[in-house]
Structure formats: C-alpha cells, structure tokens
C-alpha atoms as a PDB file:
ATOM      1  CA  UNK A   1     -38.836 -25.178 -11.173  1.00  0.00           C
ATOM      2  CA  UNK A   2     -36.468 -24.699 -14.080  1.00  0.00           C
ATOM      3  CA  UNK A   3     -34.174 -22.867 -11.691  1.00  0.00           C
ATOM      4  CA  UNK A   4     -33.356 -26.237 -10.153  1.00  0.00           C
ATOM      5  CA  UNK A   5     -32.066 -27.348 -13.533  1.00  0.00           C
ATOM      6  CA  UNK A   6     -30.083 -24.155 -13.992  1.00  0.00           C
ATOM      7  CA  UNK A   7     -28.148 -24.368 -10.726  1.00  0.00           C
ATOM      8  CA  UNK A   8     -24.785 -25.983 -11.417  1.00  0.00           C
ATOM      9  CA  UNK A   9     -23.436 -28.586  -9.024  1.00  0.00           C
ATOM     10  CA  UNK A  10     -20.106 -28.609  -7.248  1.00  0.00           C
ATOM     11  CA  UNK A  11     -17.465 -26.896  -9.346  1.00  0.00           C
ATOM     12  CA  UNK A  12     -19.566 -26.929 -12.505  1.00  0.00           C
ATOM     13  CA  UNK A  13     -19.474 -24.218 -15.135  1.00  0.00           C
ATOM     14  CA  UNK A  14     -22.394 -21.999 -16.106  1.00  0.00           C
ATOM     15  CA  UNK A  15     -25.344 -23.383 -18.048  1.00  0.00           C
ATOM     16  CA  UNK A  16     -24.693 -24.076 -21.702  1.00  0.00           C
ATOM     17  CA  UNK A  17     -26.846 -22.835 -24.578  1.00  0.00           C
ATOM     18  CA  UNK A  18     -27.380 -25.188 -27.508  1.00  0.00           C
ATOM     19  CA  UNK A  19     -28.750 -24.689 -30.990  1.00  0.00           C
ATOM     20  CA  UNK A  20     -30.162 -27.502 -33.095  1.00  0.00           C
ATOM     21  CA  UNK A  21     -29.756 -31.116 -34.076  1.00  0.00           C
ATOM     22  CA  UNK A  22     -29.455 -33.996 -31.668  1.00  0.00           C
ATOM     23  CA  UNK A  23     -27.931 -32.612 -28.490  1.00  0.00           C
ATOM     24  CA  UNK A  24     -25.692 -34.531 -26.101  1.00  0.00           C
ATOM     25  CA  UNK A  25     -23.870 -34.144 -22.826  1.00  0.00           C
ATOM     26  CA  UNK A  26     -21.249 -36.527 -21.461  1.00  0.00           C
ATOM     27  CA  UNK A  27     -19.531 -37.628 -18.288  1.00  0.00           C
ATOM     28  CA  UNK A  28     -16.076 -38.749 -19.407  1.00  0.00           C
ATOM     29  CA  UNK A  29     -16.589 -41.832 -21.525  1.00  0.00           C
ATOM     30  CA  UNK A  30     -18.950 -43.630 -19.151  1.00  0.00           C
ATOM     31  CA  UNK A  31     -22.279 -41.791 -19.366  1.00  0.00           C
ATOM     32  CA  UNK A  32     -24.208 -39.784 -21.941  1.00  0.00           C
ATOM     33  CA  UNK A  33     -27.561 -38.078 -22.379  1.00  0.00           C
ATOM     34  CA  UNK A  34     -28.935 -37.323 -25.858  1.00  0.00           C
ATOM     35  CA  UNK A  35     -31.963 -35.271 -26.888  1.00  0.00           C
ATOM     36  CA  UNK A  36     -33.320 -36.105 -30.341  1.00  0.00           C
ATOM     37  CA  UNK A  37     -33.340 -33.504 -33.124  1.00  0.00           C
ATOM     38  CA  UNK A  38     -37.127 -33.124 -32.844  1.00  0.00           C
ATOM     39  CA  UNK A  39     -36.650 -32.522 -29.068  1.00  0.00           C
ATOM     40  CA  UNK A  40     -39.255 -35.143 -28.150  1.00  0.00           C
ATOM     41  CA  UNK A  41     -37.009 -37.938 -26.825  1.00  0.00           C
ATOM     42  CA  UNK A  42     -34.360 -38.031 -24.091  1.00  0.00           C
ATOM     43  CA  UNK A  43     -32.038 -41.058 -23.873  1.00  0.00           C
ATOM     44  CA  UNK A  44     -29.600 -41.736 -21.026  1.00  0.00           C
ATOM     45  CA  UNK A  45     -26.864 -44.364 -21.367  1.00  0.00           C
ATOM     46  CA  UNK A  46     -24.563 -45.911 -18.767  1.00  0.00           C
ATOM     47  CA  UNK A  47     -21.641 -47.105 -20.868  1.00  0.00           C
ATOM     48  CA  UNK A  48     -19.783 -49.028 -18.158  1.00  0.00           C
ATOM     49  CA  UNK A  49     -21.610 -51.606 -16.046  1.00  0.00           C
ATOM     50  CA  UNK A  50     -18.459 -52.409 -14.077  1.00  0.00           C
ATOM     51  CA  UNK A  51     -18.176 -49.123 -12.177  1.00  0.00           C
ATOM     52  CA  UNK A  52     -20.323 -47.812  -9.339  1.00  0.00           C
ATOM     53  CA  UNK A  53     -21.551 -44.756 -11.284  1.00  0.00           C
ATOM     54  CA  UNK A  54     -25.230 -44.242 -12.108  1.00  0.00           C
ATOM     55  CA  UNK A  55     -26.660 -41.755 -14.626  1.00  0.00           C
ATOM     56  CA  UNK A  56     -29.923 -39.893 -14.977  1.00  0.00           C
ATOM     57  CA  UNK A  57     -31.161 -36.890 -16.905  1.00  0.00           C
ATOM     58  CA  UNK A  58     -33.512 -34.263 -15.565  1.00  0.00           C
ATOM     59  CA  UNK A  59     -35.386 -32.307 -18.210  1.00  0.00           C
ATOM     60  CA  UNK A  60     -38.199 -29.808 -18.618  1.00  0.00           C
ATOM     61  CA  UNK A  61     -40.363 -28.997 -21.611  1.00  0.00           C
ATOM     62  CA  UNK A  62     -41.740 -25.823 -23.165  1.00  0.00           C
ATOM     63  CA  UNK A  63     -45.290 -26.645 -22.012  1.00  0.00           C
ATOM     64  CA  UNK A  64     -46.391 -23.706 -19.805  1.00  0.00           C
ATOM     65  CA  UNK A  65     -49.370 -25.676 -18.452  1.00  0.00           C
ATOM     66  CA  UNK A  66     -47.185 -28.503 -17.116  1.00  0.00           C
ATOM     67  CA  UNK A  67     -43.950 -27.109 -15.614  1.00  0.00           C
ATOM     68  CA  UNK A  68     -42.827 -30.539 -14.413  1.00  0.00           C
ATOM     69  CA  UNK A  69     -39.204 -31.655 -14.212  1.00  0.00           C
ATOM     70  CA  UNK A  70     -38.997 -35.170 -15.613  1.00  0.00           C
ATOM     71  CA  UNK A  71     -36.300 -37.761 -14.922  1.00  0.00           C
ATOM     72  CA  UNK A  72     -34.942 -40.619 -17.022  1.00  0.00           C
ATOM     73  CA  UNK A  73     -32.509 -43.003 -15.264  1.00  0.00           C
ATOM     74  CA  UNK A  74     -30.290 -45.487 -17.084  1.00  0.00           C
ATOM     75  CA  UNK A  75     -29.909 -48.983 -15.660  1.00  0.00           C
ATOM     76  CA  UNK A  76     -26.335 -50.043 -14.911  1.00  0.00           C
ATOM     77  CA  UNK A  77     -24.627 -50.743 -18.225  1.00  0.00           C
ATOM     78  CA  UNK A  78     -27.778 -49.959 -20.199  1.00  0.00           C
ATOM     79  CA  UNK A  79     -29.949 -47.196 -21.586  1.00  0.00           C
ATOM     80  CA  UNK A  80     -33.379 -45.757 -20.971  1.00  0.00           C
ATOM     81  CA  UNK A  81     -35.493 -43.274 -22.901  1.00  0.00           C
ATOM     82  CA  UNK A  82     -38.207 -40.809 -22.038  1.00  0.00           C
ATOM     83  CA  UNK A  83     -40.569 -39.156 -24.501  1.00  0.00           C
ATOM     84  CA  UNK A  84     -42.730 -36.077 -24.697  1.00  0.00           C
ATOM     85  CA  UNK A  85     -45.877 -36.138 -26.807  1.00  0.00           C
ATOM     86  CA  UNK A  86     -47.280 -32.619 -26.767  1.00  0.00           C
ATOM     87  CA  UNK A  87     -44.326 -30.394 -25.945  1.00  0.00           C
ATOM     88  CA  UNK A  88     -40.596 -30.302 -26.664  1.00  0.00           C
ATOM     89  CA  UNK A  89     -37.576 -30.513 -24.393  1.00  0.00           C
ATOM     90  CA  UNK A  90     -36.395 -27.035 -23.447  1.00  0.00           C
ATOM     91  CA  UNK A  91     -33.614 -27.774 -20.948  1.00  0.00           C
ATOM     92  CA  UNK A  92     -31.798 -30.904 -19.754  1.00  0.00           C
ATOM     93  CA  UNK A  93     -29.047 -31.862 -17.337  1.00  0.00           C
ATOM     94  CA  UNK A  94     -26.945 -35.004 -16.867  1.00  0.00           C
ATOM     95  CA  UNK A  95     -26.644 -36.146 -13.254  1.00  0.00           C
ATOM     96  CA  UNK A  96     -24.097 -38.629 -11.915  1.00  0.00           C
ATOM     97  CA  UNK A  97     -24.550 -40.656  -8.770  1.00  0.00           C
ATOM     98  CA  UNK A  98     -22.778 -43.380  -6.855  1.00  0.00           C
ATOM     99  CA  UNK A  99     -24.356 -46.547  -5.574  1.00  0.00           C
ATOM    100  CA  UNK A 100     -24.406 -46.753  -1.803  1.00  0.00           C
ATOM    101  CA  UNK A 101     -25.694 -49.553   0.406  1.00  0.00           C
ATOM    102  CA  UNK A 102     -29.373 -49.294  -0.487  1.00  0.00           C
ATOM    103  CA  UNK A 103     -29.735 -46.227  -2.700  1.00  0.00           C
ATOM    104  CA  UNK A 104     -27.994 -43.826  -5.071  1.00  0.00           C
ATOM    105  CA  UNK A 105     -26.392 -40.589  -3.906  1.00  0.00           C
ATOM    106  CA  UNK A 106     -26.650 -38.044  -6.735  1.00  0.00           C
ATOM    107  CA  UNK A 107     -23.640 -35.820  -6.132  1.00  0.00           C
ATOM    108  CA  UNK A 108     -22.406 -34.566  -9.505  1.00  0.00           C
ATOM    109  CA  UNK A 109     -24.444 -32.429 -11.889  1.00  0.00           C
ATOM    110  CA  UNK A 110     -23.344 -31.214 -15.304  1.00  0.00           C
ATOM    111  CA  UNK A 111     -24.422 -27.691 -16.260  1.00  0.00           C
ATOM    112  CA  UNK A 112     -27.938 -27.408 -17.628  1.00  0.00           C
ATOM    113  CA  UNK A 113     -28.184 -27.304 -21.422  1.00  0.00           C
ATOM    114  CA  UNK A 114     -30.811 -24.801 -22.580  1.00  0.00           C
ATOM    115  CA  UNK A 115     -32.012 -25.345 -26.127  1.00  0.00           C
ATOM    116  CA  UNK A 116     -31.900 -22.000 -27.933  1.00  0.00           C
ATOM    117  CA  UNK A 117     -34.195 -22.740 -30.852  1.00  0.00           C
ATOM    118  CA  UNK A 118     -37.673 -23.365 -29.492  1.00  0.00           C
ATOM    119  CA  UNK A 119     -39.464 -24.239 -32.728  1.00  0.00           C
END
C-alpha cells in the first residue's frame, strides 16, 4: 500500500527523505501540503481559486494495524486538514489535478516524502 505513495508520477524525481519539524511540499506557488511537527496533522492548501488546478495529499501512518492510505483534498482557493489520533504520519505526497466536466483528473504527483525520524 505504501508502494503506491512511493511511485513517482510522470517525470518526477525519486522519493524524498525528510527529518523533523513541520514538513511541506509545494506545487509552484499555487498549492502546498504541510505536516505538523508532531506528525499528527496534514493540511492541504489551494492558494489560487482562479485556476483550474485542484490539490490533495495522500498520506500513510506508522500504525501497522491500519495500513490505510488517507486523502485530504483542498477546496478551490481554500484549505482542508486531516488528523491522526493514535499514530503519526510516516509518508505523504502532494497530488495535482485538473477540473474536467464533472470530475477531477489527478495527473501530476510530487515525489513521496518519507519522514526519517519516526519518534
């Protein structure tokens, strides 16, 4: 399941490895995902409501009993947060999509960011 997060999208570089503190990943200056320093909250922001881009973050936690990949999607021009209560975020990835007639086509994926310190 985490392999899906580790597979880079079209033309993307290899997965990144991060250390500590609040962690972020960006798409130009129009979208951002941030994981809090305690690794319990993921926030996705769409910084430009006037374009057709959409942003979401896929993330997984260090809970071996629940190997689920969670998703947090930002509304156009807004932000949305997701929270873990028992475990901590272990890996996350920013995904970029484009609005089509009735749905979003997710076609750009930043490299997965693996959090090195799992304390």
